[in-house]
Amino acid sequence: MERVTLRIPKQQIEEVEQMVETGEFPNRSEAIRAAVRDMLNEQEETTDQTTGKRSWAKV
């Protein structure tokens, strides 16, 4: 696994911390990994089957 440093708005981190405190995730890292997995899965589902390109923008 690689380490990644990123900046996240304080309010979002507080919300992630709340999910950790309530036991939804064991720690912040796992919560963020789950969010990235969900994003990648969602983008995979919106990949244009004809061009093979991802549709990143949502309208």
PDB file of N, CA and C in Angstrom:
ATOM      1  N   MET A   1       0.843  -1.166   0.000  1.00  0.00           N
ATOM      2  CA  MET A   1       0.000   0.000   0.000  1.00  0.00           C
ATOM      3  C   MET A   1       0.892   1.234   0.000  1.00  0.00           C
ATOM      4  N   GLU A   2       0.457   2.264  -0.717  1.00  0.00           N
ATOM      5  CA  GLU A   2       1.214   3.503  -0.748  1.00  0.00           C
ATOM      6  C   GLU A   2       0.574   4.541   0.148  1.00  0.00           C
ATOM      7  N   ARG A   3       1.399   5.419   0.676  1.00  0.00           N
ATOM      8  CA  ARG A   3       0.908   6.518   1.510  1.00  0.00           C
ATOM      9  C   ARG A   3       0.628   7.706   0.607  1.00  0.00           C
ATOM     10  N   VAL A   4      -0.515   8.348   0.823  1.00  0.00           N
ATOM     11  CA  VAL A   4      -0.907   9.523   0.060  1.00  0.00           C
ATOM     12  C   VAL A   4      -1.263  10.618   1.050  1.00  0.00           C
ATOM     13  N   THR A   5      -0.751  11.800   0.800  1.00  0.00           N
ATOM     14  CA  THR A   5      -1.085  12.945   1.640  1.00  0.00           C
ATOM     15  C   THR A   5      -2.064  13.819   0.879  1.00  0.00           C
ATOM     16  N   LEU A   6      -3.166  14.190   1.526  1.00  0.00           N
ATOM     17  CA  LEU A   6      -4.136  15.046   0.873  1.00  0.00           C
ATOM     18  C   LEU A   6      -4.750  16.004   1.874  1.00  0.00           C
ATOM     19  N   ARG A   7      -5.296  17.056   1.358  1.00  0.00           N
ATOM     20  CA  ARG A   7      -5.968  18.050   2.194  1.00  0.00           C
ATOM     21  C   ARG A   7      -7.473  17.899   2.010  1.00  0.00           C
ATOM     22  N   ILE A   8      -8.177  17.841   3.137  1.00  0.00           N
ATOM     23  CA  ILE A   8      -9.624  17.665   3.123  1.00  0.00           C
ATOM     24  C   ILE A   8     -10.204  18.735   4.043  1.00  0.00           C
ATOM     25  N   PRO A   9     -11.291  19.377   3.622  1.00  0.00           N
ATOM     26  CA  PRO A   9     -11.895  20.403   4.480  1.00  0.00           C
ATOM     27  C   PRO A   9     -12.228  19.852   5.873  1.00  0.00           C
ATOM     28  N   LYS A  10     -12.052  20.705   6.869  1.00  0.00           N
ATOM     29  CA  LYS A  10     -12.242  20.310   8.268  1.00  0.00           C
ATOM     30  C   LYS A  10     -13.620  19.674   8.506  1.00  0.00           C
ATOM     31  N   GLN A  11     -14.657  20.253   7.915  1.00  0.00           N
ATOM     32  CA  GLN A  11     -16.005  19.719   8.118  1.00  0.00           C
ATOM     33  C   GLN A  11     -16.104  18.270   7.626  1.00  0.00           C
ATOM     34  N   GLN A  12     -15.479  17.972   6.498  1.00  0.00           N
ATOM     35  CA  GLN A  12     -15.534  16.608   5.971  1.00  0.00           C
ATOM     36  C   GLN A  12     -14.771  15.649   6.869  1.00  0.00           C
ATOM     37  N   ILE A  13     -13.631  16.075   7.386  1.00  0.00           N
ATOM     38  CA  ILE A  13     -12.869  15.214   8.302  1.00  0.00           C
ATOM     39  C   ILE A  13     -13.675  14.967   9.571  1.00  0.00           C
ATOM     40  N   GLU A  14     -14.358  15.993  10.051  1.00  0.00           N
ATOM     41  CA  GLU A  14     -15.185  15.818  11.250  1.00  0.00           C
ATOM     42  C   GLU A  14     -16.286  14.789  10.995  1.00  0.00           C
ATOM     43  N   GLU A  15     -16.856  14.811   9.793  1.00  0.00           N
ATOM     44  CA  GLU A  15     -17.885  13.826   9.452  1.00  0.00           C
ATOM     45  C   GLU A  15     -17.300  12.425   9.369  1.00  0.00           C
ATOM     46  N   VAL A  16     -16.104  12.308   8.814  1.00  0.00           N
ATOM     47  CA  VAL A  16     -15.426  11.010   8.755  1.00  0.00           C
ATOM     48  C   VAL A  16     -15.138  10.525  10.172  1.00  0.00           C
ATOM     49  N   GLU A  17     -14.650  11.423  11.021  1.00  0.00           N
ATOM     50  CA  GLU A  17     -14.368  11.066  12.423  1.00  0.00           C
ATOM     51  C   GLU A  17     -15.625  10.559  13.119  1.00  0.00           C
ATOM     52  N   GLN A  18     -16.752  11.173  12.814  1.00  0.00           N
ATOM     53  CA  GLN A  18     -18.017  10.733  13.427  1.00  0.00           C
ATOM     54  C   GLN A  18     -18.333   9.297  13.000  1.00  0.00           C
ATOM     55  N   MET A  19     -18.082   8.975  11.737  1.00  0.00           N
ATOM     56  CA  MET A  19     -18.333   7.604  11.268  1.00  0.00           C
ATOM     57  C   MET A  19     -17.393   6.620  11.965  1.00  0.00           C
ATOM     58  N   VAL A  20     -16.186   7.051  12.260  1.00  0.00           N
ATOM     59  CA  VAL A  20     -15.241   6.196  12.987  1.00  0.00           C
ATOM     60  C   VAL A  20     -15.730   6.021  14.426  1.00  0.00           C
ATOM     61  N   GLU A  21     -16.149   7.112  15.047  1.00  0.00           N
ATOM     62  CA  GLU A  21     -16.607   7.056  16.442  1.00  0.00           C
ATOM     63  C   GLU A  21     -17.840   6.172  16.609  1.00  0.00           C
ATOM     64  N   THR A  22     -18.712   6.159  15.587  1.00  0.00           N
ATOM     65  CA  THR A  22     -19.929   5.341  15.688  1.00  0.00           C
ATOM     66  C   THR A  22     -19.684   3.900  15.264  1.00  0.00           C
ATOM     67  N   GLY A  23     -18.450   3.597  14.836  1.00  0.00           N
ATOM     68  CA  GLY A  23     -18.104   2.226  14.502  1.00  0.00           C
ATOM     69  C   GLY A  23     -18.374   1.829  13.067  1.00  0.00           C
ATOM     70  N   GLU A  24     -18.765   2.805  12.235  1.00  0.00           N
ATOM     71  CA  GLU A  24     -19.021   2.475  10.832  1.00  0.00           C
ATOM     72  C   GLU A  24     -17.729   2.082  10.115  1.00  0.00           C
ATOM     73  N   PHE A  25     -16.613   2.684  10.545  1.00  0.00           N
ATOM     74  CA  PHE A  25     -15.293   2.359  10.006  1.00  0.00           C
ATOM     75  C   PHE A  25     -14.319   2.261  11.173  1.00  0.00           C
ATOM     76  N   PRO A  26     -13.287   1.441  11.045  1.00  0.00           N
ATOM     77  CA  PRO A  26     -12.326   1.292  12.143  1.00  0.00           C
ATOM     78  C   PRO A  26     -11.403   2.498  12.303  1.00  0.00           C
ATOM     79  N   ASN A  27     -11.185   3.250  11.212  1.00  0.00           N
ATOM     80  CA  ASN A  27     -10.304   4.422  11.279  1.00  0.00           C
ATOM     81  C   ASN A  27     -10.541   5.294  10.052  1.00  0.00           C
ATOM     82  N   ARG A  28      -9.935   6.488  10.061  1.00  0.00           N
ATOM     83  CA  ARG A  28     -10.124   7.423   8.951  1.00  0.00           C
ATOM     84  C   ARG A  28      -9.601   6.857   7.638  1.00  0.00           C
ATOM     85  N   SER A  29      -8.464   6.199   7.695  1.00  0.00           N
ATOM     86  CA  SER A  29      -7.881   5.661   6.463  1.00  0.00           C
ATOM     87  C   SER A  29      -8.831   4.693   5.772  1.00  0.00           C
ATOM     88  N   GLU A  30      -9.447   3.812   6.546  1.00  0.00           N
ATOM     89  CA  GLU A  30     -10.361   2.840   5.948  1.00  0.00           C
ATOM     90  C   GLU A  30     -11.600   3.532   5.393  1.00  0.00           C
ATOM     91  N   ALA A  31     -12.067   4.567   6.056  1.00  0.00           N
ATOM     92  CA  ALA A  31     -13.220   5.318   5.556  1.00  0.00           C
ATOM     93  C   ALA A  31     -12.892   5.975   4.215  1.00  0.00           C
ATOM     94  N   ILE A  32     -11.711   6.557   4.112  1.00  0.00           N
ATOM     95  CA  ILE A  32     -11.315   7.211   2.872  1.00  0.00           C
ATOM     96  C   ILE A  32     -11.070   6.183   1.777  1.00  0.00           C
ATOM     97  N   ARG A  33     -10.463   5.039   2.123  1.00  0.00           N
ATOM     98  CA  ARG A  33     -10.283   3.977   1.129  1.00  0.00           C
ATOM     99  C   ARG A  33     -11.630   3.508   0.600  1.00  0.00           C
ATOM    100  N   ALA A  34     -12.622   3.380   1.480  1.00  0.00           N
ATOM    101  CA  ALA A  34     -13.958   2.951   1.053  1.00  0.00           C
ATOM    102  C   ALA A  34     -14.579   3.983   0.113  1.00  0.00           C
ATOM    103  N   ALA A  35     -14.374   5.266   0.402  1.00  0.00           N
ATOM    104  CA  ALA A  35     -14.909   6.318  -0.465  1.00  0.00           C
ATOM    105  C   ALA A  35     -14.267   6.266  -1.842  1.00  0.00           C
ATOM    106  N   VAL A  36     -12.961   6.031  -1.890  1.00  0.00           N
ATOM    107  CA  VAL A  36     -12.263   5.938  -3.174  1.00  0.00           C
ATOM    108  C   VAL A  36     -12.752   4.714  -3.945  1.00  0.00           C
ATOM    109  N   ARG A  37     -12.904   3.581  -3.258  1.00  0.00           N
ATOM    110  CA  ARG A  37     -13.422   2.376  -3.921  1.00  0.00           C
ATOM    111  C   ARG A  37     -14.806   2.632  -4.511  1.00  0.00           C
ATOM    112  N   ASP A  38     -15.675   3.278  -3.726  1.00  0.00           N
ATOM    113  CA  ASP A  38     -17.025   3.577  -4.210  1.00  0.00           C
ATOM    114  C   ASP A  38     -16.979   4.477  -5.443  1.00  0.00           C
ATOM    115  N   MET A  39     -16.110   5.496  -5.409  1.00  0.00           N
ATOM    116  CA  MET A  39     -15.986   6.399  -6.539  1.00  0.00           C
ATOM    117  C   MET A  39     -15.512   5.652  -7.784  1.00  0.00           C
ATOM    118  N   LEU A  40     -14.510   4.808  -7.622  1.00  0.00           N
ATOM    119  CA  LEU A  40     -13.993   4.050  -8.762  1.00  0.00           C
ATOM    120  C   LEU A  40     -15.030   3.090  -9.315  1.00  0.00           C
ATOM    121  N   ASN A  41     -15.776   2.427  -8.437  1.00  0.00           N
ATOM    122  CA  ASN A  41     -16.837   1.522  -8.887  1.00  0.00           C
ATOM    123  C   ASN A  41     -17.925   2.275  -9.634  1.00  0.00           C
ATOM    124  N   GLU A  42     -18.290   3.434  -9.115  1.00  0.00           N
ATOM    125  CA  GLU A  42     -19.312   4.252  -9.768  1.00  0.00           C
ATOM    126  C   GLU A  42     -18.836   4.710 -11.144  1.00  0.00           C
ATOM    127  N   GLN A  43     -17.594   5.133 -11.232  1.00  0.00           N
ATOM    128  CA  GLN A  43     -17.059   5.585 -12.508  1.00  0.00           C
ATOM    129  C   GLN A  43     -16.954   4.424 -13.501  1.00  0.00           C
ATOM    130  N   GLU A  44     -16.625   3.249 -13.001  1.00  0.00           N
ATOM    131  CA  GLU A  44     -16.548   2.075 -13.865  1.00  0.00           C
ATOM    132  C   GLU A  44     -17.904   1.788 -14.488  1.00  0.00           C
ATOM    133  N   GLU A  45     -18.963   1.985 -13.712  1.00  0.00           N
ATOM    134  CA  GLU A  45     -20.315   1.747 -14.208  1.00  0.00           C
ATOM    135  C   GLU A  45     -20.719   2.760 -15.260  1.00  0.00           C
ATOM    136  N   THR A  46     -20.122   3.951 -15.241  1.00  0.00           N
ATOM    137  CA  THR A  46     -20.483   4.986 -16.206  1.00  0.00           C
ATOM    138  C   THR A  46     -19.526   5.046 -17.384  1.00  0.00           C
ATOM    139  N   THR A  47     -18.603   4.085 -17.466  1.00  0.00           N
ATOM    140  CA  THR A  47     -17.682   4.054 -18.599  1.00  0.00           C
ATOM    141  C   THR A  47     -18.462   3.828 -19.882  1.00  0.00           C
ATOM    142  N   ASP A  48     -18.178   4.647 -20.858  1.00  0.00           N
ATOM    143  CA  ASP A  48     -18.826   4.520 -22.166  1.00  0.00           C
ATOM    144  C   ASP A  48     -18.348   3.223 -22.807  1.00  0.00           C
ATOM    145  N   GLN A  49     -19.257   2.316 -23.058  1.00  0.00           N
ATOM    146  CA  GLN A  49     -18.910   1.003 -23.596  1.00  0.00           C
ATOM    147  C   GLN A  49     -18.362   1.080 -25.019  1.00  0.00           C
ATOM    148  N   THR A  50     -18.727   2.122 -25.769  1.00  0.00           N
ATOM    149  CA  THR A  50     -18.265   2.201 -27.158  1.00  0.00           C
ATOM    150  C   THR A  50     -16.863   2.775 -27.267  1.00  0.00           C
ATOM    151  N   THR A  51     -16.533   3.759 -26.415  1.00  0.00           N
ATOM    152  CA  THR A  51     -15.208   4.388 -26.510  1.00  0.00           C
ATOM    153  C   THR A  51     -14.255   3.877 -25.452  1.00  0.00           C
ATOM    154  N   GLY A  52     -14.800   3.278 -24.396  1.00  0.00           N
ATOM    155  CA  GLY A  52     -13.961   2.827 -23.303  1.00  0.00           C
ATOM    156  C   GLY A  52     -13.505   3.948 -22.393  1.00  0.00           C
ATOM    157  N   LYS A  53     -14.029   5.152 -22.636  1.00  0.00           N
ATOM    158  CA  LYS A  53     -13.633   6.302 -21.808  1.00  0.00           C
ATOM    159  C   LYS A  53     -14.591   6.451 -20.648  1.00  0.00           C
ATOM    160  N   ARG A  54     -14.051   6.973 -19.559  1.00  0.00           N
ATOM    161  CA  ARG A  54     -14.879   7.243 -18.387  1.00  0.00           C
ATOM    162  C   ARG A  54     -15.608   8.569 -18.564  1.00  0.00           C
ATOM    163  N   SER A  55     -16.810   8.601 -18.065  1.00  0.00           N
ATOM    164  CA  SER A  55     -17.584   9.822 -18.098  1.00  0.00           C
ATOM    165  C   SER A  55     -17.460  10.489 -16.731  1.00  0.00           C
ATOM    166  N   TRP A  56     -16.438  11.319 -16.557  1.00  0.00           N
ATOM    167  CA  TRP A  56     -16.163  11.894 -15.238  1.00  0.00           C
ATOM    168  C   TRP A  56     -17.169  12.955 -14.840  1.00  0.00           C
ATOM    169  N   ALA A  57     -17.601  13.745 -15.772  1.00  0.00           N
ATOM    170  CA  ALA A  57     -18.520  14.837 -15.431  1.00  0.00           C
ATOM    171  C   ALA A  57     -19.941  14.299 -15.366  1.00  0.00           C
ATOM    172  N   LYS A  58     -20.638  14.749 -14.342  1.00  0.00           N
ATOM    173  CA  LYS A  58     -22.042  14.374 -14.212  1.00  0.00           C
ATOM    174  C   LYS A  58     -22.888  15.601 -14.499  1.00  0.00           C
ATOM    175  N   VAL A  59     -23.941  15.407 -15.219  1.00  0.00           N
ATOM    176  CA  VAL A  59     -24.817  16.529 -15.586  1.00  0.00           C
ATOM    177  C   VAL A  59     -26.081  16.457 -14.772  1.00  0.00           C
TER     178      VAL A  59
END
